[in-house]
């Protein structure tokens, strides 16, 4: 029973970190795209429809990038670490 509670607690914490990390990574990407737009179009700097369309088009493939996929390691690495510790403590 304690192992199940540990697993549920870890899952909740991992989910929280995953969401926060995902928001951070996406915001960093959007910020770089905004800076790129401002550098390329100094006469149309600021928030406008063309800039929003440029950012939306550039973010369309974001889910397939390596950085976006690596955020899933938030679930894998801590789980493997805890499983390794449990194995070493109990069966080694």
N, C-alpha and C. Protein backbone atom coordinates (compact mmCIF):
# COMPACT_ATOMS: atom_id res chain seq x y z
N UNK A 1 0.82 -1.19 0.00
CA UNK A 1 0.00 0.00 0.00
C UNK A 1 0.87 1.27 0.00
N UNK A 2 1.96 1.22 0.74
CA UNK A 2 2.84 2.39 0.81
C UNK A 2 3.49 2.66 -0.55
N UNK A 3 3.78 1.61 -1.28
CA UNK A 3 4.38 1.78 -2.61
C UNK A 3 3.41 2.46 -3.56
N UNK A 4 2.15 2.13 -3.45
CA UNK A 4 1.13 2.75 -4.30
C UNK A 4 0.97 4.23 -3.96
N UNK A 5 0.97 4.54 -2.67
CA UNK A 5 0.89 5.95 -2.26
C UNK A 5 2.12 6.73 -2.74
N UNK A 6 3.29 6.14 -2.64
CA UNK A 6 4.51 6.77 -3.13
C UNK A 6 4.41 7.01 -4.61
N UNK A 7 3.93 6.01 -5.35
CA UNK A 7 3.80 6.15 -6.80
C UNK A 7 2.81 7.25 -7.16
N UNK A 8 1.67 7.33 -6.47
CA UNK A 8 0.69 8.38 -6.75
C UNK A 8 1.23 9.77 -6.42
N UNK A 9 1.94 9.88 -5.30
CA UNK A 9 2.54 11.17 -4.94
C UNK A 9 3.58 11.58 -5.96
N UNK A 10 4.42 10.62 -6.37
CA UNK A 10 5.44 10.93 -7.38
C UNK A 10 4.80 11.34 -8.69
N UNK A 11 3.74 10.67 -9.08
CA UNK A 11 3.06 11.00 -10.32
C UNK A 11 2.49 12.42 -10.27
N UNK A 12 1.90 12.79 -9.14
CA UNK A 12 1.35 14.14 -9.00
C UNK A 12 2.44 15.20 -9.07
N UNK A 13 3.55 14.97 -8.38
CA UNK A 13 4.66 15.93 -8.40
C UNK A 13 5.28 16.01 -9.79
N UNK A 14 5.45 14.86 -10.44
CA UNK A 14 6.01 14.84 -11.79
C UNK A 14 5.10 15.56 -12.76
N UNK A 15 3.80 15.38 -12.63
CA UNK A 15 2.85 16.06 -13.50
C UNK A 15 2.92 17.57 -13.31
N UNK A 16 3.03 18.01 -12.07
CA UNK A 16 3.17 19.43 -11.80
C UNK A 16 4.44 19.99 -12.45
N UNK A 17 5.57 19.32 -12.25
CA UNK A 17 6.81 19.77 -12.86
C UNK A 17 6.76 19.73 -14.37
N UNK A 18 6.11 18.71 -14.92
CA UNK A 18 5.99 18.60 -16.37
C UNK A 18 5.22 19.78 -16.95
N UNK A 19 4.10 20.12 -16.33
CA UNK A 19 3.29 21.24 -16.82
C UNK A 19 4.08 22.54 -16.72
N UNK A 20 4.74 22.77 -15.60
CA UNK A 20 5.53 23.99 -15.43
C UNK A 20 6.68 24.07 -16.42
N UNK A 21 7.37 22.95 -16.62
CA UNK A 21 8.48 22.91 -17.57
C UNK A 21 7.98 23.13 -19.00
N UNK A 22 6.85 22.54 -19.32
CA UNK A 22 6.28 22.68 -20.67
C UNK A 22 5.91 24.14 -20.95
N UNK A 23 5.28 24.78 -19.98
CA UNK A 23 4.92 26.19 -20.13
C UNK A 23 6.17 27.04 -20.29
N UNK A 24 7.20 26.76 -19.50
CA UNK A 24 8.45 27.52 -19.59
C UNK A 24 9.11 27.35 -20.96
N UNK A 25 9.21 26.13 -21.44
CA UNK A 25 9.87 25.86 -22.72
C UNK A 25 9.10 26.53 -23.85
N UNK A 26 7.77 26.44 -23.82
CA UNK A 26 6.97 27.08 -24.86
C UNK A 26 7.11 28.60 -24.81
N UNK A 27 7.13 29.17 -23.62
CA UNK A 27 7.25 30.63 -23.52
C UNK A 27 8.61 31.11 -24.00
N UNK A 28 9.66 30.34 -23.73
CA UNK A 28 10.98 30.71 -24.23
C UNK A 28 11.01 30.69 -25.76
N UNK A 29 10.38 29.68 -26.35
CA UNK A 29 10.32 29.58 -27.81
C UNK A 29 9.54 30.76 -28.41
N UNK A 30 8.41 31.09 -27.81
CA UNK A 30 7.60 32.20 -28.29
C UNK A 30 8.36 33.51 -28.17
N UNK A 31 9.08 33.68 -27.09
CA UNK A 31 9.86 34.91 -26.90
C UNK A 31 10.94 35.05 -27.97
N UNK A 32 11.63 33.95 -28.29
CA UNK A 32 12.64 34.00 -29.36
C UNK A 32 12.01 34.33 -30.70
N UNK A 33 10.83 33.77 -30.97
CA UNK A 33 10.14 34.06 -32.23
C UNK A 33 9.71 35.53 -32.29
N UNK A 34 9.25 36.07 -31.17
CA UNK A 34 8.87 37.48 -31.12
C UNK A 34 10.08 38.37 -31.39
N UNK A 35 11.22 38.01 -30.79
CA UNK A 35 12.44 38.80 -31.03
C UNK A 35 12.89 38.69 -32.48
N UNK A 36 12.75 37.51 -33.07
CA UNK A 36 13.10 37.34 -34.47
C UNK A 36 12.19 38.18 -35.36
N UNK A 37 10.90 38.21 -35.05
CA UNK A 37 9.96 39.02 -35.83
C UNK A 37 10.33 40.51 -35.72
N UNK A 38 10.61 40.96 -34.51
CA UNK A 38 10.96 42.37 -34.31
C UNK A 38 12.25 42.75 -35.04
N UNK A 39 13.21 41.82 -35.09
CA UNK A 39 14.46 42.11 -35.79
C UNK A 39 14.26 42.16 -37.30
N UNK A 40 13.41 41.31 -37.82
CA UNK A 40 13.17 41.27 -39.26
C UNK A 40 12.24 42.37 -39.73
N UNK A 41 11.33 42.79 -38.88
CA UNK A 41 10.34 43.80 -39.25
C UNK A 41 10.33 44.94 -38.23
N UNK A 42 11.35 45.78 -38.24
CA UNK A 42 11.40 46.85 -37.24
C UNK A 42 10.28 47.88 -37.42
N UNK A 43 9.75 48.00 -38.62
CA UNK A 43 8.66 48.95 -38.84
C UNK A 43 7.33 48.44 -38.30
N UNK A 44 7.20 47.11 -38.14
CA UNK A 44 5.96 46.52 -37.64
C UNK A 44 6.19 45.82 -36.30
N UNK A 45 7.07 46.34 -35.49
CA UNK A 45 7.34 45.75 -34.18
C UNK A 45 6.13 45.95 -33.27
N UNK A 46 5.98 45.08 -32.34
CA UNK A 46 4.85 45.14 -31.43
C UNK A 46 3.82 44.09 -31.78
N UNK A 47 2.77 44.05 -31.00
CA UNK A 47 1.74 43.04 -31.17
C UNK A 47 0.80 43.42 -32.31
N UNK A 48 0.76 42.60 -33.34
CA UNK A 48 -0.20 42.80 -34.43
C UNK A 48 -0.57 41.44 -35.01
N UNK A 49 -1.51 41.43 -35.93
CA UNK A 49 -2.04 40.17 -36.47
C UNK A 49 -0.98 39.38 -37.24
N UNK A 50 -0.12 40.06 -38.00
CA UNK A 50 0.90 39.38 -38.78
C UNK A 50 1.91 38.69 -37.86
N UNK A 51 2.27 39.35 -36.78
CA UNK A 51 3.21 38.77 -35.82
C UNK A 51 2.60 37.54 -35.15
N UNK A 52 1.34 37.63 -34.75
CA UNK A 52 0.67 36.49 -34.13
C UNK A 52 0.56 35.32 -35.10
N UNK A 53 0.30 35.59 -36.37
CA UNK A 53 0.21 34.53 -37.38
C UNK A 53 1.58 33.88 -37.59
N UNK A 54 2.64 34.69 -37.61
CA UNK A 54 4.00 34.17 -37.75
C UNK A 54 4.34 33.23 -36.59
N UNK A 55 4.01 33.64 -35.38
CA UNK A 55 4.30 32.83 -34.20
C UNK A 55 3.47 31.56 -34.20
N UNK A 56 2.21 31.65 -34.56
CA UNK A 56 1.35 30.47 -34.60
C UNK A 56 1.85 29.46 -35.64
N UNK A 57 2.28 29.96 -36.78
CA UNK A 57 2.79 29.07 -37.82
C UNK A 57 4.11 28.41 -37.39
N UNK A 58 4.98 29.17 -36.74
CA UNK A 58 6.26 28.63 -36.29
C UNK A 58 6.09 27.65 -35.14
N UNK A 59 5.07 27.84 -34.31
CA UNK A 59 4.84 26.95 -33.18
C UNK A 59 4.07 25.69 -33.56
N UNK A 60 3.60 25.60 -34.79
CA UNK A 60 2.81 24.44 -35.21
C UNK A 60 3.59 23.14 -35.08
N UNK A 61 4.86 23.14 -35.39
CA UNK A 61 5.67 21.94 -35.31
C UNK A 61 6.45 21.80 -34.03
N UNK A 62 6.14 22.61 -33.04
CA UNK A 62 6.90 22.61 -31.79
C UNK A 62 6.83 21.28 -31.06
N UNK A 63 5.69 20.60 -31.11
CA UNK A 63 5.51 19.35 -30.37
C UNK A 63 6.45 18.25 -30.87
N UNK A 64 6.96 18.39 -32.09
CA UNK A 64 7.82 17.36 -32.67
C UNK A 64 9.31 17.64 -32.45
N UNK A 65 9.64 18.75 -31.82
CA UNK A 65 11.04 19.09 -31.62
C UNK A 65 11.63 18.25 -30.49
N UNK A 66 12.95 18.14 -30.50
CA UNK A 66 13.65 17.36 -29.48
C UNK A 66 13.45 17.96 -28.09
N UNK A 67 13.50 19.26 -28.00
CA UNK A 67 13.35 19.91 -26.69
C UNK A 67 11.97 19.62 -26.09
N UNK A 68 10.95 19.64 -26.91
CA UNK A 68 9.60 19.35 -26.41
C UNK A 68 9.48 17.90 -25.98
N UNK A 69 10.11 17.01 -26.71
CA UNK A 69 10.04 15.59 -26.35
C UNK A 69 10.88 15.26 -25.12
N UNK A 70 11.96 15.98 -24.92
CA UNK A 70 12.81 15.72 -23.76
C UNK A 70 12.13 16.10 -22.45
N UNK A 71 11.11 16.93 -22.50
CA UNK A 71 10.39 17.26 -21.27
C UNK A 71 9.70 16.04 -20.68
N UNK A 72 9.47 15.02 -21.50
CA UNK A 72 8.86 13.79 -20.98
C UNK A 72 9.79 13.03 -20.05
N UNK A 73 11.08 13.36 -20.08
CA UNK A 73 12.01 12.72 -19.16
C UNK A 73 11.72 13.07 -17.70
N UNK A 74 10.88 14.08 -17.48
CA UNK A 74 10.46 14.42 -16.12
C UNK A 74 9.74 13.23 -15.50
N UNK A 75 9.08 12.43 -16.32
CA UNK A 75 8.39 11.25 -15.81
C UNK A 75 9.33 10.05 -15.70
N UNK A 76 10.22 9.90 -16.64
CA UNK A 76 11.02 8.68 -16.74
C UNK A 76 12.16 8.65 -15.71
N UNK A 77 12.96 9.69 -15.66
CA UNK A 77 14.16 9.66 -14.82
C UNK A 77 13.88 9.50 -13.32
N UNK A 78 12.99 10.28 -12.72
CA UNK A 78 12.73 10.07 -11.28
C UNK A 78 12.12 8.70 -10.98
N UNK A 79 11.27 8.21 -11.88
CA UNK A 79 10.67 6.90 -11.66
C UNK A 79 11.73 5.81 -11.68
N UNK A 80 12.64 5.87 -12.65
CA UNK A 80 13.72 4.89 -12.70
C UNK A 80 14.63 4.99 -11.48
N UNK A 81 14.88 6.21 -11.02
CA UNK A 81 15.73 6.39 -9.84
C UNK A 81 15.08 5.77 -8.60
N UNK A 82 13.80 6.02 -8.41
CA UNK A 82 13.11 5.46 -7.23
C UNK A 82 13.04 3.94 -7.33
N UNK A 83 12.75 3.41 -8.50
CA UNK A 83 12.71 1.96 -8.67
C UNK A 83 14.08 1.35 -8.40
N UNK A 84 15.13 2.01 -8.84
CA UNK A 84 16.48 1.52 -8.56
C UNK A 84 16.80 1.53 -7.08
N UNK A 85 16.41 2.59 -6.39
CA UNK A 85 16.64 2.68 -4.95
C UNK A 85 15.85 1.61 -4.21
N UNK A 86 14.58 1.42 -4.59
CA UNK A 86 13.75 0.40 -3.94
C UNK A 86 14.36 -0.98 -4.16
N UNK A 87 14.84 -1.25 -5.36
CA UNK A 87 15.46 -2.55 -5.63
C UNK A 87 16.71 -2.74 -4.79
N UNK A 88 17.57 -1.73 -4.77
CA UNK A 88 18.83 -1.87 -4.01
C UNK A 88 18.61 -2.01 -2.52
N UNK A 89 17.62 -1.31 -1.99
CA UNK A 89 17.38 -1.36 -0.55
C UNK A 89 16.72 -2.69 -0.15
N UNK A 90 15.80 -3.16 -0.94
CA UNK A 90 15.02 -4.33 -0.53
C UNK A 90 15.56 -5.67 -1.01
N UNK A 91 16.19 -5.72 -2.15
CA UNK A 91 16.54 -7.03 -2.70
C UNK A 91 18.03 -7.21 -2.98
N UNK A 92 18.83 -6.32 -2.54
CA UNK A 92 20.25 -6.47 -2.84
C UNK A 92 21.06 -6.66 -1.59
